[in-house]
PDB file of N, CA and C in Angstrom:
ATOM      1  N   MET A   1     -53.694   6.012  39.115  1.00  0.00           N
ATOM      2  CA  MET A   1     -53.730   4.583  38.873  1.00  0.00           C
ATOM      3  C   MET A   1     -53.963   3.876  40.205  1.00  0.00           C
ATOM      4  N   ASP A   2     -54.812   2.907  40.162  1.00  0.00           N
ATOM      5  CA  ASP A   2     -55.137   2.135  41.353  1.00  0.00           C
ATOM      6  C   ASP A   2     -53.948   1.246  41.732  1.00  0.00           C
ATOM      7  N   LEU A   3     -53.603   1.255  43.018  1.00  0.00           N
ATOM      8  CA  LEU A   3     -52.460   0.466  43.464  1.00  0.00           C
ATOM      9  C   LEU A   3     -52.713  -1.030  43.409  1.00  0.00           C
ATOM     10  N   SER A   4     -53.972  -1.457  43.454  1.00  0.00           N
ATOM     11  CA  SER A   4     -54.255  -2.891  43.421  1.00  0.00           C
ATOM     12  C   SER A   4     -53.927  -3.503  42.059  1.00  0.00           C
ATOM     13  N   ILE A   5     -53.927  -2.693  41.019  1.00  0.00           N
ATOM     14  CA  ILE A   5     -53.588  -3.219  39.693  1.00  0.00           C
ATOM     15  C   ILE A   5     -52.100  -3.564  39.601  1.00  0.00           C
ATOM     16  N   LEU A   6     -51.288  -2.895  40.402  1.00  0.00           N
ATOM     17  CA  LEU A   6     -49.854  -3.183  40.384  1.00  0.00           C
ATOM     18  C   LEU A   6     -49.537  -4.573  40.924  1.00  0.00           C
ATOM     19  N   TRP A   7     -50.412  -5.091  41.794  1.00  0.00           N
ATOM     20  CA  TRP A   7     -50.209  -6.451  42.311  1.00  0.00           C
ATOM     21  C   TRP A   7     -50.277  -7.483  41.187  1.00  0.00           C
ATOM     22  N   TYR A   8     -50.900  -7.141  40.064  1.00  0.00           N
ATOM     23  CA  TYR A   8     -50.994  -8.044  38.922  1.00  0.00           C
ATOM     24  C   TYR A   8     -50.030  -7.676  37.802  1.00  0.00           C
ATOM     25  N   LEU A   9     -49.787  -6.389  37.620  1.00  0.00           N
ATOM     26  CA  LEU A   9     -48.934  -5.966  36.510  1.00  0.00           C
ATOM     27  C   LEU A   9     -47.452  -6.213  36.772  1.00  0.00           C
ATOM     28  N   VAL A  10     -47.020  -6.082  38.002  1.00  0.00           N
ATOM     29  CA  VAL A  10     -45.606  -6.319  38.314  1.00  0.00           C
ATOM     30  C   VAL A  10     -45.227  -7.791  38.091  1.00  0.00           C
ATOM     31  N   PRO A  11     -46.004  -8.767  38.594  1.00  0.00           N
ATOM     32  CA  PRO A  11     -45.655 -10.165  38.273  1.00  0.00           C
ATOM     33  C   PRO A  11     -45.735 -10.475  36.776  1.00  0.00           C
ATOM     34  N   ALA A  12     -46.691  -9.850  36.080  1.00  0.00           N
ATOM     35  CA  ALA A  12     -46.779 -10.064  34.638  1.00  0.00           C
ATOM     36  C   ALA A  12     -45.551  -9.508  33.925  1.00  0.00           C
ATOM     37  N   ALA A  13     -45.078  -8.354  34.361  1.00  0.00           N
ATOM     38  CA  ALA A  13     -43.869  -7.781  33.767  1.00  0.00           C
ATOM     39  C   ALA A  13     -42.650  -8.644  34.072  1.00  0.00           C
ATOM     40  N   LEU A  14     -42.576  -9.174  35.288  1.00  0.00           N
ATOM     41  CA  LEU A  14     -41.465 -10.071  35.633  1.00  0.00           C
ATOM     42  C   LEU A  14     -41.525 -11.360  34.815  1.00  0.00           C
ATOM     43  N   MET A  15     -42.732 -11.899  34.631  1.00  0.00           N
ATOM     44  CA  MET A  15     -42.885 -13.104  33.805  1.00  0.00           C
ATOM     45  C   MET A  15     -42.422 -12.835  32.378  1.00  0.00           C
ATOM     46  N   PHE A  16     -42.835 -11.690  31.844  1.00  0.00           N
ATOM     47  CA  PHE A  16     -42.454 -11.359  30.473  1.00  0.00           C
ATOM     48  C   PHE A  16     -40.943 -11.167  30.354  1.00  0.00           C
ATOM     49  N   ALA A  17     -40.349 -10.499  31.341  1.00  0.00           N
ATOM     50  CA  ALA A  17     -38.905 -10.278  31.313  1.00  0.00           C
ATOM     51  C   ALA A  17     -38.147 -11.600  31.409  1.00  0.00           C
ATOM     52  N   CYS A  18     -38.612 -12.498  32.260  1.00  0.00           N
ATOM     53  CA  CYS A  18     -37.977 -13.821  32.353  1.00  0.00           C
ATOM     54  C   CYS A  18     -38.117 -14.591  31.047  1.00  0.00           C
ATOM     55  N   GLY A  19     -39.270 -14.455  30.401  1.00  0.00           N
ATOM     56  CA  GLY A  19     -39.473 -15.110  29.115  1.00  0.00           C
ATOM     57  C   GLY A  19     -38.552 -14.570  28.032  1.00  0.00           C
ATOM     58  N   VAL A  20     -38.386 -13.254  27.989  1.00  0.00           N
ATOM     59  CA  VAL A  20     -37.477 -12.646  27.008  1.00  0.00           C
ATOM     60  C   VAL A  20     -36.037 -13.085  27.267  1.00  0.00           C
ATOM     61  N   TYR A  21     -35.647 -13.078  28.530  1.00  0.00           N
ATOM     62  CA  TYR A  21     -34.294 -13.506  28.879  1.00  0.00           C
ATOM     63  C   TYR A  21     -34.056 -14.960  28.476  1.00  0.00           C
ATOM     64  N   GLY A  22     -35.010 -15.824  28.781  1.00  0.00           N
ATOM     65  CA  GLY A  22     -34.872 -17.225  28.405  1.00  0.00           C
ATOM     66  C   GLY A  22     -34.870 -17.426  26.902  1.00  0.00           C
ATOM     67  N   PHE A  23     -35.678 -16.657  26.190  1.00  0.00           N
ATOM     68  CA  PHE A  23     -35.742 -16.780  24.731  1.00  0.00           C
ATOM     69  C   PHE A  23     -34.425 -16.369  24.089  1.00  0.00           C
ATOM     70  N   ILE A  24     -33.791 -15.344  24.634  1.00  0.00           N
ATOM     71  CA  ILE A  24     -32.544 -14.845  24.049  1.00  0.00           C
ATOM     72  C   ILE A  24     -31.349 -15.714  24.421  1.00  0.00           C
ATOM     73  N   THR A  25     -31.311 -16.218  25.642  1.00  0.00           N
ATOM     74  CA  THR A  25     -30.098 -16.890  26.125  1.00  0.00           C
ATOM     75  C   THR A  25     -30.084 -18.393  25.914  1.00  0.00           C
ATOM     76  N   ARG A  26     -31.211 -19.038  25.758  1.00  0.00           N
ATOM     77  CA  ARG A  26     -31.246 -20.500  25.657  1.00  0.00           C
ATOM     78  C   ARG A  26     -30.883 -20.973  24.259  1.00  0.00           C
ATOM     79  N   LYS A  27     -30.288 -22.154  24.199  1.00  0.00           N
ATOM     80  CA  LYS A  27     -29.931 -22.768  22.920  1.00  0.00           C
ATOM     81  C   LYS A  27     -30.745 -24.028  22.637  1.00  0.00           C
ATOM     82  N   ASN A  28     -31.502 -24.486  23.625  1.00  0.00           N
ATOM     83  CA  ASN A  28     -32.333 -25.663  23.469  1.00  0.00           C
ATOM     84  C   ASN A  28     -33.717 -25.233  22.967  1.00  0.00           C
ATOM     85  N   LEU A  29     -34.254 -25.933  21.984  1.00  0.00           N
ATOM     86  CA  LEU A  29     -35.533 -25.536  21.409  1.00  0.00           C
ATOM     87  C   LEU A  29     -36.686 -25.657  22.405  1.00  0.00           C
ATOM     88  N   ILE A  30     -36.649 -26.654  23.268  1.00  0.00           N
ATOM     89  CA  ILE A  30     -37.711 -26.810  24.265  1.00  0.00           C
ATOM     90  C   ILE A  30     -37.681 -25.640  25.255  1.00  0.00           C
ATOM     91  N   ALA A  31     -36.500 -25.238  25.685  1.00  0.00           N
ATOM     92  CA  ALA A  31     -36.384 -24.100  26.608  1.00  0.00           C
ATOM     93  C   ALA A  31     -36.852 -22.811  25.937  1.00  0.00           C
ATOM     94  N   ILE A  32     -36.567 -22.655  24.660  1.00  0.00           N
ATOM     95  CA  ILE A  32     -37.033 -21.481  23.925  1.00  0.00           C
ATOM     96  C   ILE A  32     -38.552 -21.491  23.837  1.00  0.00           C
ATOM     97  N   LEU A  33     -39.142 -22.657  23.599  1.00  0.00           N
ATOM     98  CA  LEU A  33     -40.593 -22.778  23.535  1.00  0.00           C
ATOM     99  C   LEU A  33     -41.231 -22.461  24.887  1.00  0.00           C
ATOM    100  N   ILE A  34     -40.635 -22.925  25.968  1.00  0.00           N
ATOM    101  CA  ILE A  34     -41.152 -22.622  27.300  1.00  0.00           C
ATOM    102  C   ILE A  34     -41.064 -21.120  27.577  1.00  0.00           C
ATOM    103  N   SER A  35     -39.985 -20.489  27.166  1.00  0.00           N
ATOM    104  CA  SER A  35     -39.847 -19.036  27.350  1.00  0.00           C
ATOM    105  C   SER A  35     -40.899 -18.283  26.551  1.00  0.00           C
ATOM    106  N   LEU A  36     -41.175 -18.747  25.352  1.00  0.00           N
ATOM    107  CA  LEU A  36     -42.203 -18.114  24.532  1.00  0.00           C
ATOM    108  C   LEU A  36     -43.575 -18.256  25.184  1.00  0.00           C
ATOM    109  N   GLU A  37     -43.862 -19.413  25.736  1.00  0.00           N
ATOM    110  CA  GLU A  37     -45.134 -19.606  26.436  1.00  0.00           C
ATOM    111  C   GLU A  37     -45.234 -18.721  27.669  1.00  0.00           C
ATOM    112  N   LEU A  38     -44.131 -18.519  28.354  1.00  0.00           N
ATOM    113  CA  LEU A  38     -44.127 -17.636  29.515  1.00  0.00           C
ATOM    114  C   LEU A  38     -44.462 -16.205  29.107  1.00  0.00           C
ATOM    115  N   MET A  39     -43.928 -15.760  27.979  1.00  0.00           N
ATOM    116  CA  MET A  39     -44.256 -14.415  27.490  1.00  0.00           C
ATOM    117  C   MET A  39     -45.730 -14.317  27.094  1.00  0.00           C
ATOM    118  N   LEU A  40     -46.261 -15.360  26.464  1.00  0.00           N
ATOM    119  CA  LEU A  40     -47.676 -15.346  26.086  1.00  0.00           C
ATOM    120  C   LEU A  40     -48.585 -15.342  27.315  1.00  0.00           C
ATOM    121  N   ASN A  41     -48.216 -16.071  28.346  1.00  0.00           N
ATOM    122  CA  ASN A  41     -49.012 -16.072  29.575  1.00  0.00           C
ATOM    123  C   ASN A  41     -48.980 -14.716  30.267  1.00  0.00           C
ATOM    124  N   ALA A  42     -47.849 -14.040  30.218  1.00  0.00           N
ATOM    125  CA  ALA A  42     -47.773 -12.694  30.786  1.00  0.00           C
ATOM    126  C   ALA A  42     -48.685 -11.731  30.020  1.00  0.00           C
ATOM    127  N   ALA A  43     -48.709 -11.850  28.715  1.00  0.00           N
ATOM    128  CA  ALA A  43     -49.597 -10.997  27.912  1.00  0.00           C
ATOM    129  C   ALA A  43     -51.060 -11.315  28.205  1.00  0.00           C
ATOM    130  N   ASP A  44     -51.398 -12.594  28.375  1.00  0.00           N
ATOM    131  CA  ASP A  44     -52.774 -12.965  28.718  1.00  0.00           C
ATOM    132  C   ASP A  44     -53.179 -12.413  30.077  1.00  0.00           C
ATOM    133  N   LEU A  45     -52.274 -12.442  31.018  1.00  0.00           N
ATOM    134  CA  LEU A  45     -52.557 -11.871  32.328  1.00  0.00           C
ATOM    135  C   LEU A  45     -52.828 -10.371  32.223  1.00  0.00           C
ATOM    136  N   ASN A  46     -52.084  -9.696  31.379  1.00  0.00           N
ATOM    137  CA  ASN A  46     -52.324  -8.259  31.167  1.00  0.00           C
ATOM    138  C   ASN A  46     -53.682  -8.004  30.528  1.00  0.00           C
ATOM    139  N   PHE A  47     -54.088  -8.859  29.586  1.00  0.00           N
ATOM    140  CA  PHE A  47     -55.420  -8.706  28.981  1.00  0.00           C
ATOM    141  C   PHE A  47     -56.505  -8.772  30.043  1.00  0.00           C
ATOM    142  N   VAL A  48     -56.414  -9.744  30.926  1.00  0.00           N
ATOM    143  CA  VAL A  48     -57.432  -9.921  31.949  1.00  0.00           C
ATOM    144  C   VAL A  48     -57.418  -8.757  32.937  1.00  0.00           C
ATOM    145  N   VAL A  49     -56.238  -8.338  33.359  1.00  0.00           N
ATOM    146  CA  VAL A  49     -56.141  -7.256  34.340  1.00  0.00           C
ATOM    147  C   VAL A  49     -56.680  -5.951  33.776  1.00  0.00           C
ATOM    148  N   PHE A  50     -56.289  -5.611  32.560  1.00  0.00           N
ATOM    149  CA  PHE A  50     -56.765  -4.350  31.994  1.00  0.00           C
ATOM    150  C   PHE A  50     -58.251  -4.396  31.680  1.00  0.00           C
ATOM    151  N   ASN A  51     -58.769  -5.564  31.287  1.00  0.00           N
ATOM    152  CA  ASN A  51     -60.206  -5.667  31.089  1.00  0.00           C
ATOM    153  C   ASN A  51     -60.949  -5.458  32.403  1.00  0.00           C
ATOM    154  N   ARG A  52     -60.457  -6.057  33.453  1.00  0.00           N
ATOM    155  CA  ARG A  52     -61.105  -5.926  34.764  1.00  0.00           C
ATOM    156  C   ARG A  52     -61.005  -4.486  35.285  1.00  0.00           C
ATOM    157  N   TYR A  53     -59.902  -3.827  34.986  1.00  0.00           N
ATOM    158  CA  TYR A  53     -59.700  -2.461  35.477  1.00  0.00           C
ATOM    159  C   TYR A  53     -60.480  -1.432  34.649  1.00  0.00           C
ATOM    160  N   LEU A  54     -60.457  -1.568  33.332  1.00  0.00           N
ATOM    161  CA  LEU A  54     -61.084  -0.567  32.469  1.00  0.00           C
ATOM    162  C   LEU A  54     -62.575  -0.804  32.257  1.00  0.00           C
ATOM    163  N   PHE A  55     -62.976  -2.077  32.146  1.00  0.00           N
ATOM    164  CA  PHE A  55     -64.376  -2.421  31.888  1.00  0.00           C
ATOM    165  C   PHE A  55     -64.809  -3.495  32.886  1.00  0.00           C
ATOM    166  N   PRO A  56     -65.123  -3.114  34.109  1.00  0.00           N
ATOM    167  CA  PRO A  56     -65.352  -4.098  35.167  1.00  0.00           C
ATOM    168  C   PRO A  56     -66.516  -5.051  34.911  1.00  0.00           C
ATOM    169  N   GLY A  57     -67.549  -4.622  34.216  1.00  0.00           N
ATOM    170  CA  GLY A  57     -68.720  -5.474  34.032  1.00  0.00           C
ATOM    171  C   GLY A  57     -68.701  -6.296  32.759  1.00  0.00           C
ATOM    172  N   GLN A  58     -67.681  -6.158  31.942  1.00  0.00           N
ATOM    173  CA  GLN A  58     -67.673  -6.832  30.648  1.00  0.00           C
ATOM    174  C   GLN A  58     -66.644  -7.951  30.635  1.00  0.00           C
ATOM    175  N   MET A  59     -66.791  -8.846  29.651  1.00  0.00           N
ATOM    176  CA  MET A  59     -65.968 -10.054  29.621  1.00  0.00           C
ATOM    177  C   MET A  59     -65.087 -10.152  28.374  1.00  0.00           C
ATOM    178  N   GLU A  60     -64.913  -9.080  27.625  1.00  0.00           N
ATOM    179  CA  GLU A  60     -64.160  -9.166  26.378  1.00  0.00           C
ATOM    180  C   GLU A  60     -62.710  -9.581  26.603  1.00  0.00           C
ATOM    181  N   GLY A  61     -62.082  -9.060  27.623  1.00  0.00           N
ATOM    182  CA  GLY A  61     -60.692  -9.419  27.908  1.00  0.00           C
ATOM    183  C   GLY A  61     -60.543 -10.887  28.262  1.00  0.00           C
ATOM    184  N   MET A  62     -61.504 -11.424  29.004  1.00  0.00           N
ATOM    185  CA  MET A  62     -61.456 -12.834  29.365  1.00  0.00           C
ATOM    186  C   MET A  62     -61.656 -13.726  28.144  1.00  0.00           C
ATOM    187  N   VAL A  63     -62.595 -13.351  27.288  1.00  0.00           N
ATOM    188  CA  VAL A  63     -62.851 -14.128  26.078  1.00  0.00           C
ATOM    189  C   VAL A  63     -61.634 -14.075  25.157  1.00  0.00           C
ATOM    190  N   PHE A  64     -61.055 -12.888  25.014  1.00  0.00           N
ATOM    191  CA  PHE A  64     -59.864 -12.759  24.184  1.00  0.00           C
ATOM    192  C   PHE A  64     -58.718 -13.589  24.749  1.00  0.00           C
ATOM    193  N   THR A  65     -58.607 -13.632  26.067  1.00  0.00           N
ATOM    194  CA  THR A  65     -57.566 -14.437  26.705  1.00  0.00           C
ATOM    195  C   THR A  65     -57.787 -15.919  26.460  1.00  0.00           C
ATOM    196  N   LEU A  66     -59.038 -16.362  26.500  1.00  0.00           N
ATOM    197  CA  LEU A  66     -59.323 -17.773  26.212  1.00  0.00           C
ATOM    198  C   LEU A  66     -58.943 -18.134  24.779  1.00  0.00           C
ATOM    199  N   PHE A  67     -59.242 -17.248  23.838  1.00  0.00           N
ATOM    200  CA  PHE A  67     -58.818 -17.479  22.460  1.00  0.00           C
ATOM    201  C   PHE A  67     -57.295 -17.489  22.344  1.00  0.00           C
ATOM    202  N   ALA A  68     -56.638 -16.601  23.057  1.00  0.00           N
ATOM    203  CA  ALA A  68     -55.173 -16.557  23.013  1.00  0.00           C
ATOM    204  C   ALA A  68     -54.574 -17.831  23.610  1.00  0.00           C
ATOM    205  N   ILE A  69     -55.172 -18.352  24.664  1.00  0.00           N
ATOM    206  CA  ILE A  69     -54.686 -19.607  25.248  1.00  0.00           C
ATOM    207  C   ILE A  69     -54.888 -20.758  24.278  1.00  0.00           C
ATOM    208  N   ALA A  70     -56.025 -20.789  23.589  1.00  0.00           N
ATOM    209  CA  ALA A  70     -56.281 -21.852  22.608  1.00  0.00           C
ATOM    210  C   ALA A  70     -55.287 -21.777  21.446  1.00  0.00           C
ATOM    211  N   ILE A  71     -55.006 -20.578  20.981  1.00  0.00           N
ATOM    212  CA  ILE A  71     -54.036 -20.417  19.897  1.00  0.00           C
ATOM    213  C   ILE A  71     -52.640 -20.796  20.368  1.00  0.00           C
ATOM    214  N   ALA A  72     -52.293 -20.444  21.597  1.00  0.00           N
ATOM    215  CA  ALA A  72     -50.984 -20.812  22.150  1.00  0.00           C
ATOM    216  C   ALA A  72     -50.858 -22.322  22.284  1.00  0.00           C
ATOM    217  N   ALA A  73     -51.943 -22.994  22.651  1.00  0.00           N
ATOM    218  CA  ALA A  73     -51.898 -24.459  22.748  1.00  0.00           C
ATOM    219  C   ALA A  73     -51.684 -25.088  21.374  1.00  0.00           C
ATOM    220  N   ALA A  74     -52.362 -24.569  20.361  1.00  0.00           N
ATOM    221  CA  ALA A  74     -52.157 -25.082  19.003  1.00  0.00           C
ATOM    222  C   ALA A  74     -50.747 -24.801  18.514  1.00  0.00           C
ATOM    223  N   GLU A  75     -50.241 -23.618  18.819  1.00  0.00           N
ATOM    224  CA  GLU A  75     -48.871 -23.265  18.427  1.00  0.00           C
ATOM    225  C   GLU A  75     -47.865 -24.169  19.130  1.00  0.00           C
ATOM    226  N   THR A  76     -48.112 -24.489  20.384  1.00  0.00           N
ATOM    227  CA  THR A  76     -47.210 -25.373  21.122  1.00  0.00           C
ATOM    228  C   THR A  76     -47.217 -26.770  20.545  1.00  0.00           C
ATOM    229  N   ALA A  77     -48.390 -27.277  20.200  1.00  0.00           N
ATOM    230  CA  ALA A  77     -48.476 -28.612  19.605  1.00  0.00           C
ATOM    231  C   ALA A  77     -47.726 -28.672  18.280  1.00  0.00           C
ATOM    232  N   LEU A  78     -47.876 -27.652  17.472  1.00  0.00           N
ATOM    233  CA  LEU A  78     -47.166 -27.603  16.197  1.00  0.00           C
ATOM    234  C   LEU A  78     -45.664 -27.480  16.406  1.00  0.00           C
ATOM    235  N   ALA A  79     -45.251 -26.644  17.349  1.00  0.00           N
ATOM    236  CA  ALA A  79     -43.818 -26.474  17.620  1.00  0.00           C
ATOM    237  C   ALA A  79     -43.200 -27.762  18.146  1.00  0.00           C
ATOM    238  N   ILE A  80     -43.901 -28.482  19.008  1.00  0.00           N
ATOM    239  CA  ILE A  80     -43.371 -29.753  19.520  1.00  0.00           C
ATOM    240  C   ILE A  80     -43.268 -30.775  18.405  1.00  0.00           C
ATOM    241  N   ALA A  81     -44.230 -30.788  17.478  1.00  0.00           N
ATOM    242  CA  ALA A  81     -44.140 -31.697  16.336  1.00  0.00           C
ATOM    243  C   ALA A  81     -42.918 -31.377  15.471  1.00  0.00           C
ATOM    244  N   ILE A  82     -42.653 -30.111  15.254  1.00  0.00           N
ATOM    245  CA  ILE A  82     -41.471 -29.711  14.483  1.00  0.00           C
ATOM    246  C   ILE A  82     -40.199 -30.093  15.229  1.00  0.00           C
ATOM    247  N   ILE A  83     -40.174 -29.880  16.537  1.00  0.00           N
ATOM    248  CA  ILE A  83     -38.993 -30.228  17.337  1.00  0.00           C
ATOM    249  C   ILE A  83     -38.746 -31.730  17.304  1.00  0.00           C
ATOM    250  N   ILE A  84     -39.805 -32.531  17.366  1.00  0.00           N
ATOM    251  CA  ILE A  84     -39.653 -33.994  17.288  1.00  0.00           C
ATOM    252  C   ILE A  84     -39.078 -34.403  15.944  1.00  0.00           C
ATOM    253  N   ASN A  85     -39.537 -33.789  14.864  1.00  0.00           N
ATOM    254  CA  ASN A  85     -38.990 -34.109  13.541  1.00  0.00           C
ATOM    255  C   ASN A  85     -37.530 -33.687  13.420  1.00  0.00           C
ATOM    256  N   ILE A  86     -37.176 -32.563  13.995  1.00  0.00           N
ATOM    257  CA  ILE A  86     -35.773 -32.138  13.984  1.00  0.00           C
ATOM    258  C   ILE A  86     -34.928 -33.120  14.779  1.00  0.00           C
ATOM    259  N   TYR A  87     -35.440 -33.570  15.917  1.00  0.00           N
ATOM    260  CA  TYR A  87     -34.694 -34.529  16.736  1.00  0.00           C
ATOM    261  C   TYR A  87     -34.505 -35.854  15.990  1.00  0.00           C
ATOM    262  N   ARG A  88     -35.522 -36.289  15.278  1.00  0.00           N
ATOM    263  CA  ARG A  88     -35.403 -37.526  14.495  1.00  0.00           C
ATOM    264  C   ARG A  88     -34.369 -37.389  13.385  1.00  0.00           C
ATOM    265  N   ALA A  89     -34.300 -36.219  12.784  1.00  0.00           N
ATOM    266  CA  ALA A  89     -33.371 -36.018  11.675  1.00  0.00           C
ATOM    267  C   ALA A  89     -31.937 -35.812  12.140  1.00  0.00           C
ATOM    268  N   MET A  90     -31.749 -35.131  13.267  1.00  0.00           N
ATOM    269  CA  MET A  90     -30.407 -34.737  13.672  1.00  0.00           C
ATOM    270  C   MET A  90     -29.898 -35.435  14.930  1.00  0.00           C
ATOM    271  N   GLY A  91     -30.789 -35.873  15.801  1.00  0.00           N
ATOM    272  CA  GLY A  91     -30.362 -36.531  17.025  1.00  0.00           C
ATOM    273  C   GLY A  91     -30.231 -35.608  18.218  1.00  0.00           C
ATOM    274  N   ASN A  92     -30.354 -34.300  18.022  1.00  0.00           N
ATOM    275  CA  ASN A  92     -30.376 -33.345  19.132  1.00  0.00           C
ATOM    276  C   ASN A  92     -31.206 -32.134  18.723  1.00  0.00           C
ATOM    277  N   ILE A  93     -31.483 -31.285  19.710  1.00  0.00           N
ATOM    278  CA  ILE A  93     -32.321 -30.111  19.438  1.00  0.00           C
ATOM    279  C   ILE A  93     -31.610 -28.821  19.832  1.00  0.00           C
ATOM    280  N   ASP A  94     -30.296 -28.847  19.727  1.00  0.00           N
ATOM    281  CA  ASP A  94     -29.514 -27.643  19.997  1.00  0.00           C
ATOM    282  C   ASP A  94     -29.640 -26.709  18.801  1.00  0.00           C
ATOM    283  N   ILE A  95     -29.916 -25.462  19.064  1.00  0.00           N
ATOM    284  CA  ILE A  95     -30.185 -24.513  17.982  1.00  0.00           C
ATOM    285  C   ILE A  95     -28.942 -24.241  17.131  1.00  0.00           C
ATOM    286  N   ARG A  96     -27.773 -24.404  17.705  1.00  0.00           N
ATOM    287  CA  ARG A  96     -26.532 -24.193  16.925  1.00  0.00           C
ATOM    288  C   ARG A  96     -26.347 -25.291  15.886  1.00  0.00           C
ATOM    289  N   GLU A  97     -26.847 -26.486  16.169  1.00  0.00           N
ATOM    290  CA  GLU A  97     -26.719 -27.590  15.230  1.00  0.00           C
ATOM    291  C   GLU A  97     -27.751 -27.544  14.121  1.00  0.00           C
ATOM    292  N   ILE A  98     -28.861 -26.871  14.359  1.00  0.00           N
ATOM    293  CA  ILE A  98     -29.928 -26.820  13.364  1.00  0.00           C
ATOM    294  C   ILE A  98     -29.509 -25.993  12.152  1.00  0.00           C
ATOM    295  N   THR A  99     -28.643 -25.029  12.352  1.00  0.00           N
ATOM    296  CA  THR A  99     -28.187 -24.214  11.216  1.00  0.00           C
ATOM    297  C   THR A  99     -27.411 -25.045  10.215  1.00  0.00           C
ATOM    298  N   LYS A 100     -26.895 -26.190  10.622  1.00  0.00           N
ATOM    299  CA  LYS A 100     -26.194 -27.070   9.688  1.00  0.00           C
ATOM    300  C   LYS A 100     -27.142 -27.742   8.713  1.00  0.00           C
ATOM    301  N   MET A 101     -28.433 -27.749   9.003  1.00  0.00           N
ATOM    302  CA  MET A 101     -29.422 -28.377   8.111  1.00  0.00           C
ATOM    303  C   MET A 101     -29.655 -27.554   6.857  1.00  0.00           C
ATOM    304  N   LYS A 102     -29.173 -26.330   6.810  1.00  0.00           N
ATOM    305  CA  LYS A 102     -29.392 -25.477   5.660  1.00  0.00           C
ATOM    306  C   LYS A 102     -28.704 -26.004   4.414  1.00  0.00           C
ATOM    307  N   PHE A 103     -27.566 -26.660   4.579  1.00  0.00           N
ATOM    308  CA  PHE A 103     -26.765 -27.043   3.416  1.00  0.00           C
ATOM    309  C   PHE A 103     -26.777 -28.525   3.199  1.00  0.00           C
TER     310      PHE A 103
END
């Protein structure tokens, strides 16, 4: 394995680990959304790195990453709209309080 690829994979792994940690430990919906975006960005970075390493002359990894970024942007817009509606209904966005909406 080429050592130069580790300069990209190690930060991507750290980004993903930080995203998982934030997703599991946070109780605020906005913080959970930010952690999810951090994990998606780490995965996009891996797509680009592996495309560049395995297929140096081709652009499939970059194109796939652009589609993934577009889908992540749409997902973020939808999630923020849902969070705004929850805030309007309840007055806060703490995940422990949202479970009270079930009944």
